[in-house]
Amino acid sequence: MSKPVNLNRVRKEKARAEKKARADENAALHGMTRAEKQRAKAEAARVARLHDGAKRGEE
């Protein structure tokens, strides 16, 4: 005899797979590449340094 199948588990696994596929599609369409993320992080650090360098001393 074959093993009984838990239909709830099958349904949830199918839903998870569909959700992951949709997330992967969205990441490809709207996400940033690794190089873009690094460039944005470097730009934010540069802006923060410029901003901190322009502060006046506390008086």
PDB file of N, CA and C in Angstrom:
ATOM      1  N   MET A   1       0.830  -1.192   0.000  1.00  0.00           N
ATOM      2  CA  MET A   1       0.000   0.000   0.000  1.00  0.00           C
ATOM      3  C   MET A   1       0.868   1.246   0.000  1.00  0.00           C
ATOM      4  N   SER A   2       0.315   2.281  -0.546  1.00  0.00           N
ATOM      5  CA  SER A   2       1.062   3.536  -0.557  1.00  0.00           C
ATOM      6  C   SER A   2       0.838   4.287   0.748  1.00  0.00           C
ATOM      7  N   LYS A   3       1.685   5.230   0.948  1.00  0.00           N
ATOM      8  CA  LYS A   3       1.657   6.029   2.165  1.00  0.00           C
ATOM      9  C   LYS A   3       0.529   7.069   2.086  1.00  0.00           C
ATOM     10  N   PRO A   4      -0.184   7.338   3.187  1.00  0.00           N
ATOM     11  CA  PRO A   4      -1.226   8.369   3.145  1.00  0.00           C
ATOM     12  C   PRO A   4      -0.617   9.756   2.914  1.00  0.00           C
ATOM     13  N   VAL A   5      -1.356  10.596   2.214  1.00  0.00           N
ATOM     14  CA  VAL A   5      -0.874  11.932   1.872  1.00  0.00           C
ATOM     15  C   VAL A   5      -1.619  12.949   2.724  1.00  0.00           C
ATOM     16  N   ASN A   6      -0.870  13.832   3.352  1.00  0.00           N
ATOM     17  CA  ASN A   6      -1.470  14.902   4.127  1.00  0.00           C
ATOM     18  C   ASN A   6      -1.795  16.039   3.158  1.00  0.00           C
ATOM     19  N   LEU A   7      -3.077  16.218   2.876  1.00  0.00           N
ATOM     20  CA  LEU A   7      -3.488  17.199   1.874  1.00  0.00           C
ATOM     21  C   LEU A   7      -3.203  18.624   2.319  1.00  0.00           C
ATOM     22  N   ASN A   8      -3.276  18.894   3.618  1.00  0.00           N
ATOM     23  CA  ASN A   8      -2.960  20.241   4.110  1.00  0.00           C
ATOM     24  C   ASN A   8      -1.507  20.584   3.826  1.00  0.00           C
ATOM     25  N   ARG A   9      -0.624  19.616   4.044  1.00  0.00           N
ATOM     26  CA  ARG A   9       0.800  19.851   3.796  1.00  0.00           C
ATOM     27  C   ARG A   9       1.051  20.113   2.313  1.00  0.00           C
ATOM     28  N   VAL A  10       0.415  19.332   1.462  1.00  0.00           N
ATOM     29  CA  VAL A  10       0.578  19.503   0.017  1.00  0.00           C
ATOM     30  C   VAL A  10       0.078  20.879  -0.402  1.00  0.00           C
ATOM     31  N   ARG A  11      -1.078  21.286   0.117  1.00  0.00           N
ATOM     32  CA  ARG A  11      -1.650  22.586  -0.229  1.00  0.00           C
ATOM     33  C   ARG A  11      -0.733  23.715   0.214  1.00  0.00           C
ATOM     34  N   LYS A  12      -0.201  23.620   1.437  1.00  0.00           N
ATOM     35  CA  LYS A  12       0.684  24.666   1.956  1.00  0.00           C
ATOM     36  C   LYS A  12       2.002  24.711   1.185  1.00  0.00           C
ATOM     37  N   GLU A  13       2.559  23.560   0.831  1.00  0.00           N
ATOM     38  CA  GLU A  13       3.799  23.531   0.052  1.00  0.00           C
ATOM     39  C   GLU A  13       3.592  24.168  -1.319  1.00  0.00           C
ATOM     40  N   LYS A  14       2.443  23.892  -1.931  1.00  0.00           N
ATOM     41  CA  LYS A  14       2.137  24.482  -3.235  1.00  0.00           C
ATOM     42  C   LYS A  14       2.011  26.003  -3.106  1.00  0.00           C
ATOM     43  N   ALA A  15       1.347  26.470  -2.060  1.00  0.00           N
ATOM     44  CA  ALA A  15       1.188  27.912  -1.842  1.00  0.00           C
ATOM     45  C   ALA A  15       2.537  28.572  -1.602  1.00  0.00           C
ATOM     46  N   ARG A  16       3.405  27.913  -0.828  1.00  0.00           N
ATOM     47  CA  ARG A  16       4.745  28.462  -0.573  1.00  0.00           C
ATOM     48  C   ARG A  16       5.543  28.574  -1.868  1.00  0.00           C
ATOM     49  N   ALA A  17       5.459  27.546  -2.698  1.00  0.00           N
ATOM     50  CA  ALA A  17       6.197  27.552  -3.963  1.00  0.00           C
ATOM     51  C   ALA A  17       5.700  28.682  -4.869  1.00  0.00           C
ATOM     52  N   GLU A  18       4.389  28.881  -4.924  1.00  0.00           N
ATOM     53  CA  GLU A  18       3.836  29.967  -5.743  1.00  0.00           C
ATOM     54  C   GLU A  18       4.262  31.328  -5.198  1.00  0.00           C
ATOM     55  N   LYS A  19       4.251  31.460  -3.880  1.00  0.00           N
ATOM     56  CA  LYS A  19       4.643  32.728  -3.255  1.00  0.00           C
ATOM     57  C   LYS A  19       6.119  33.021  -3.530  1.00  0.00           C
ATOM     58  N   LYS A  20       6.970  31.992  -3.456  1.00  0.00           N
ATOM     59  CA  LYS A  20       8.393  32.189  -3.725  1.00  0.00           C
ATOM     60  C   LYS A  20       8.620  32.562  -5.185  1.00  0.00           C
ATOM     61  N   ALA A  21       7.895  31.933  -6.088  1.00  0.00           N
ATOM     62  CA  ALA A  21       8.033  32.251  -7.513  1.00  0.00           C
ATOM     63  C   ALA A  21       7.620  33.697  -7.770  1.00  0.00           C
ATOM     64  N   ARG A  22       6.527  34.132  -7.144  1.00  0.00           N
ATOM     65  CA  ARG A  22       6.071  35.513  -7.321  1.00  0.00           C
ATOM     66  C   ARG A  22       7.088  36.486  -6.735  1.00  0.00           C
ATOM     67  N   ALA A  23       7.672  36.143  -5.593  1.00  0.00           N
ATOM     68  CA  ALA A  23       8.685  37.000  -4.973  1.00  0.00           C
ATOM     69  C   ALA A  23       9.928  37.094  -5.852  1.00  0.00           C
ATOM     70  N   ASP A  24      10.328  35.988  -6.449  1.00  0.00           N
ATOM     71  CA  ASP A  24      11.493  36.002  -7.342  1.00  0.00           C
ATOM     72  C   ASP A  24      11.235  36.877  -8.570  1.00  0.00           C
ATOM     73  N   GLU A  25      10.019  36.804  -9.104  1.00  0.00           N
ATOM     74  CA  GLU A  25       9.679  37.650 -10.251  1.00  0.00           C
ATOM     75  C   GLU A  25       9.732  39.124  -9.867  1.00  0.00           C
ATOM     76  N   ASN A  26       9.170  39.461  -8.706  1.00  0.00           N
ATOM     77  CA  ASN A  26       9.173  40.855  -8.260  1.00  0.00           C
ATOM     78  C   ASN A  26      10.589  41.339  -7.996  1.00  0.00           C
ATOM     79  N   ALA A  27      11.428  40.485  -7.441  1.00  0.00           N
ATOM     80  CA  ALA A  27      12.812  40.877  -7.173  1.00  0.00           C
ATOM     81  C   ALA A  27      13.542  41.161  -8.480  1.00  0.00           C
ATOM     82  N   ALA A  28      13.260  40.364  -9.485  1.00  0.00           N
ATOM     83  CA  ALA A  28      13.912  40.578 -10.780  1.00  0.00           C
ATOM     84  C   ALA A  28      13.424  41.869 -11.432  1.00  0.00           C
ATOM     85  N   LEU A  29      12.147  42.175 -11.265  1.00  0.00           N
ATOM     86  CA  LEU A  29      11.595  43.372 -11.896  1.00  0.00           C
ATOM     87  C   LEU A  29      11.936  44.651 -11.136  1.00  0.00           C
ATOM     88  N   HIS A  30      11.846  44.607  -9.817  1.00  0.00           N
ATOM     89  CA  HIS A  30      11.919  45.828  -9.022  1.00  0.00           C
ATOM     90  C   HIS A  30      13.134  45.913  -8.111  1.00  0.00           C
ATOM     91  N   GLY A  31      13.872  44.851  -7.977  1.00  0.00           N
ATOM     92  CA  GLY A  31      14.986  44.825  -7.042  1.00  0.00           C
ATOM     93  C   GLY A  31      16.223  45.498  -7.594  1.00  0.00           C
ATOM     94  N   MET A  32      17.204  45.646  -6.732  1.00  0.00           N
ATOM     95  CA  MET A  32      18.483  46.239  -7.119  1.00  0.00           C
ATOM     96  C   MET A  32      19.526  45.134  -7.203  1.00  0.00           C
ATOM     97  N   THR A  33      20.449  45.269  -8.146  1.00  0.00           N
ATOM     98  CA  THR A  33      21.529  44.302  -8.240  1.00  0.00           C
ATOM     99  C   THR A  33      22.521  44.565  -7.111  1.00  0.00           C
ATOM    100  N   ARG A  34      23.437  43.659  -6.909  1.00  0.00           N
ATOM    101  CA  ARG A  34      24.431  43.812  -5.852  1.00  0.00           C
ATOM    102  C   ARG A  34      25.265  45.071  -6.069  1.00  0.00           C
ATOM    103  N   ALA A  35      25.661  45.331  -7.309  1.00  0.00           N
ATOM    104  CA  ALA A  35      26.463  46.521  -7.617  1.00  0.00           C
ATOM    105  C   ALA A  35      25.674  47.795  -7.330  1.00  0.00           C
ATOM    106  N   GLU A  36      24.385  47.798  -7.667  1.00  0.00           N
ATOM    107  CA  GLU A  36      23.555  48.975  -7.392  1.00  0.00           C
ATOM    108  C   GLU A  36      23.430  49.217  -5.893  1.00  0.00           C
ATOM    109  N   LYS A  37      23.264  48.136  -5.118  1.00  0.00           N
ATOM    110  CA  LYS A  37      23.167  48.272  -3.659  1.00  0.00           C
ATOM    111  C   LYS A  37      24.458  48.842  -3.087  1.00  0.00           C
ATOM    112  N   GLN A  38      25.606  48.338  -3.555  1.00  0.00           N
ATOM    113  CA  GLN A  38      26.890  48.834  -3.062  1.00  0.00           C
ATOM    114  C   GLN A  38      27.087  50.294  -3.436  1.00  0.00           C
ATOM    115  N   ARG A  39      26.698  50.662  -4.645  1.00  0.00           N
ATOM    116  CA  ARG A  39      26.828  52.047  -5.093  1.00  0.00           C
ATOM    117  C   ARG A  39      25.944  52.968  -4.250  1.00  0.00           C
ATOM    118  N   ALA A  40      24.725  52.551  -3.965  1.00  0.00           N
ATOM    119  CA  ALA A  40      23.809  53.353  -3.156  1.00  0.00           C
ATOM    120  C   ALA A  40      24.332  53.497  -1.725  1.00  0.00           C
ATOM    121  N   LYS A  41      24.894  52.425  -1.178  1.00  0.00           N
ATOM    122  CA  LYS A  41      25.441  52.475   0.178  1.00  0.00           C
ATOM    123  C   LYS A  41      26.642  53.419   0.240  1.00  0.00           C
ATOM    124  N   ALA A  42      27.512  53.355  -0.761  1.00  0.00           N
ATOM    125  CA  ALA A  42      28.677  54.236  -0.804  1.00  0.00           C
ATOM    126  C   ALA A  42      28.245  55.691  -0.946  1.00  0.00           C
ATOM    127  N   GLU A  43      27.241  55.947  -1.763  1.00  0.00           N
ATOM    128  CA  GLU A  43      26.735  57.314  -1.944  1.00  0.00           C
ATOM    129  C   GLU A  43      26.128  57.838  -0.644  1.00  0.00           C
ATOM    130  N   ALA A  44      25.388  57.006   0.071  1.00  0.00           N
ATOM    131  CA  ALA A  44      24.798  57.421   1.346  1.00  0.00           C
ATOM    132  C   ALA A  44      25.888  57.730   2.364  1.00  0.00           C
ATOM    133  N   ALA A  45      26.950  56.937   2.381  1.00  0.00           N
ATOM    134  CA  ALA A  45      28.062  57.189   3.302  1.00  0.00           C
ATOM    135  C   ALA A  45      28.765  58.494   2.943  1.00  0.00           C
ATOM    136  N   ARG A  46      28.938  58.756   1.648  1.00  0.00           N
ATOM    137  CA  ARG A  46      29.577  59.995   1.209  1.00  0.00           C
ATOM    138  C   ARG A  46      28.743  61.206   1.620  1.00  0.00           C
ATOM    139  N   VAL A  47      27.445  61.129   1.425  1.00  0.00           N
ATOM    140  CA  VAL A  47      26.557  62.235   1.793  1.00  0.00           C
ATOM    141  C   VAL A  47      26.588  62.453   3.303  1.00  0.00           C
ATOM    142  N   ALA A  48      26.611  61.385   4.073  1.00  0.00           N
ATOM    143  CA  ALA A  48      26.659  61.509   5.532  1.00  0.00           C
ATOM    144  C   ALA A  48      27.961  62.175   5.969  1.00  0.00           C
ATOM    145  N   ARG A  49      29.076  61.811   5.333  1.00  0.00           N
ATOM    146  CA  ARG A  49      30.360  62.442   5.680  1.00  0.00           C
ATOM    147  C   ARG A  49      30.340  63.928   5.352  1.00  0.00           C
ATOM    148  N   LEU A  50      29.807  64.288   4.197  1.00  0.00           N
ATOM    149  CA  LEU A  50      29.730  65.695   3.816  1.00  0.00           C
ATOM    150  C   LEU A  50      28.832  66.469   4.779  1.00  0.00           C
ATOM    151  N   HIS A  51      27.745  65.866   5.165  1.00  0.00           N
ATOM    152  CA  HIS A  51      26.814  66.513   6.080  1.00  0.00           C
ATOM    153  C   HIS A  51      27.458  66.707   7.454  1.00  0.00           C
ATOM    154  N   ASP A  52      28.138  65.680   7.951  1.00  0.00           N
ATOM    155  CA  ASP A  52      28.798  65.780   9.254  1.00  0.00           C
ATOM    156  C   ASP A  52      29.942  66.783   9.212  1.00  0.00           C
ATOM    157  N   GLY A  53      30.634  66.875   8.092  1.00  0.00           N
ATOM    158  CA  GLY A  53      31.749  67.802   7.971  1.00  0.00           C
ATOM    159  C   GLY A  53      31.297  69.252   7.917  1.00  0.00           C
ATOM    160  N   ALA A  54      30.061  69.490   7.549  1.00  0.00           N
ATOM    161  CA  ALA A  54      29.561  70.854   7.421  1.00  0.00           C
ATOM    162  C   ALA A  54      28.918  71.362   8.709  1.00  0.00           C
ATOM    163  N   LYS A  55      28.862  70.531   9.745  1.00  0.00           N
ATOM    164  CA  LYS A  55      28.237  70.953  11.000  1.00  0.00           C
ATOM    165  C   LYS A  55      29.104  71.977  11.712  1.00  0.00           C
ATOM    166  N   ARG A  56      28.446  72.875  12.389  1.00  0.00           N
ATOM    167  CA  ARG A  56      29.156  73.851  13.202  1.00  0.00           C
ATOM    168  C   ARG A  56      29.495  73.224  14.545  1.00  0.00           C
ATOM    169  N   GLY A  57      30.456  73.809  15.215  1.00  0.00           N
ATOM    170  CA  GLY A  57      30.784  73.341  16.555  1.00  0.00           C
ATOM    171  C   GLY A  57      29.675  73.719  17.527  1.00  0.00           C
ATOM    172  N   GLU A  58      29.565  72.998  18.617  1.00  0.00           N
ATOM    173  CA  GLU A  58      28.516  73.287  19.600  1.00  0.00           C
ATOM    174  C   GLU A  58      28.871  74.539  20.376  1.00  0.00           C
ATOM    175  N   GLU A  59      27.944  75.468  20.439  1.00  0.00           N
ATOM    176  CA  GLU A  59      28.157  76.711  21.175  1.00  0.00           C
ATOM    177  C   GLU A  59      26.982  77.036  22.026  1.00  0.00           C
TER     178      GLU A  59
END
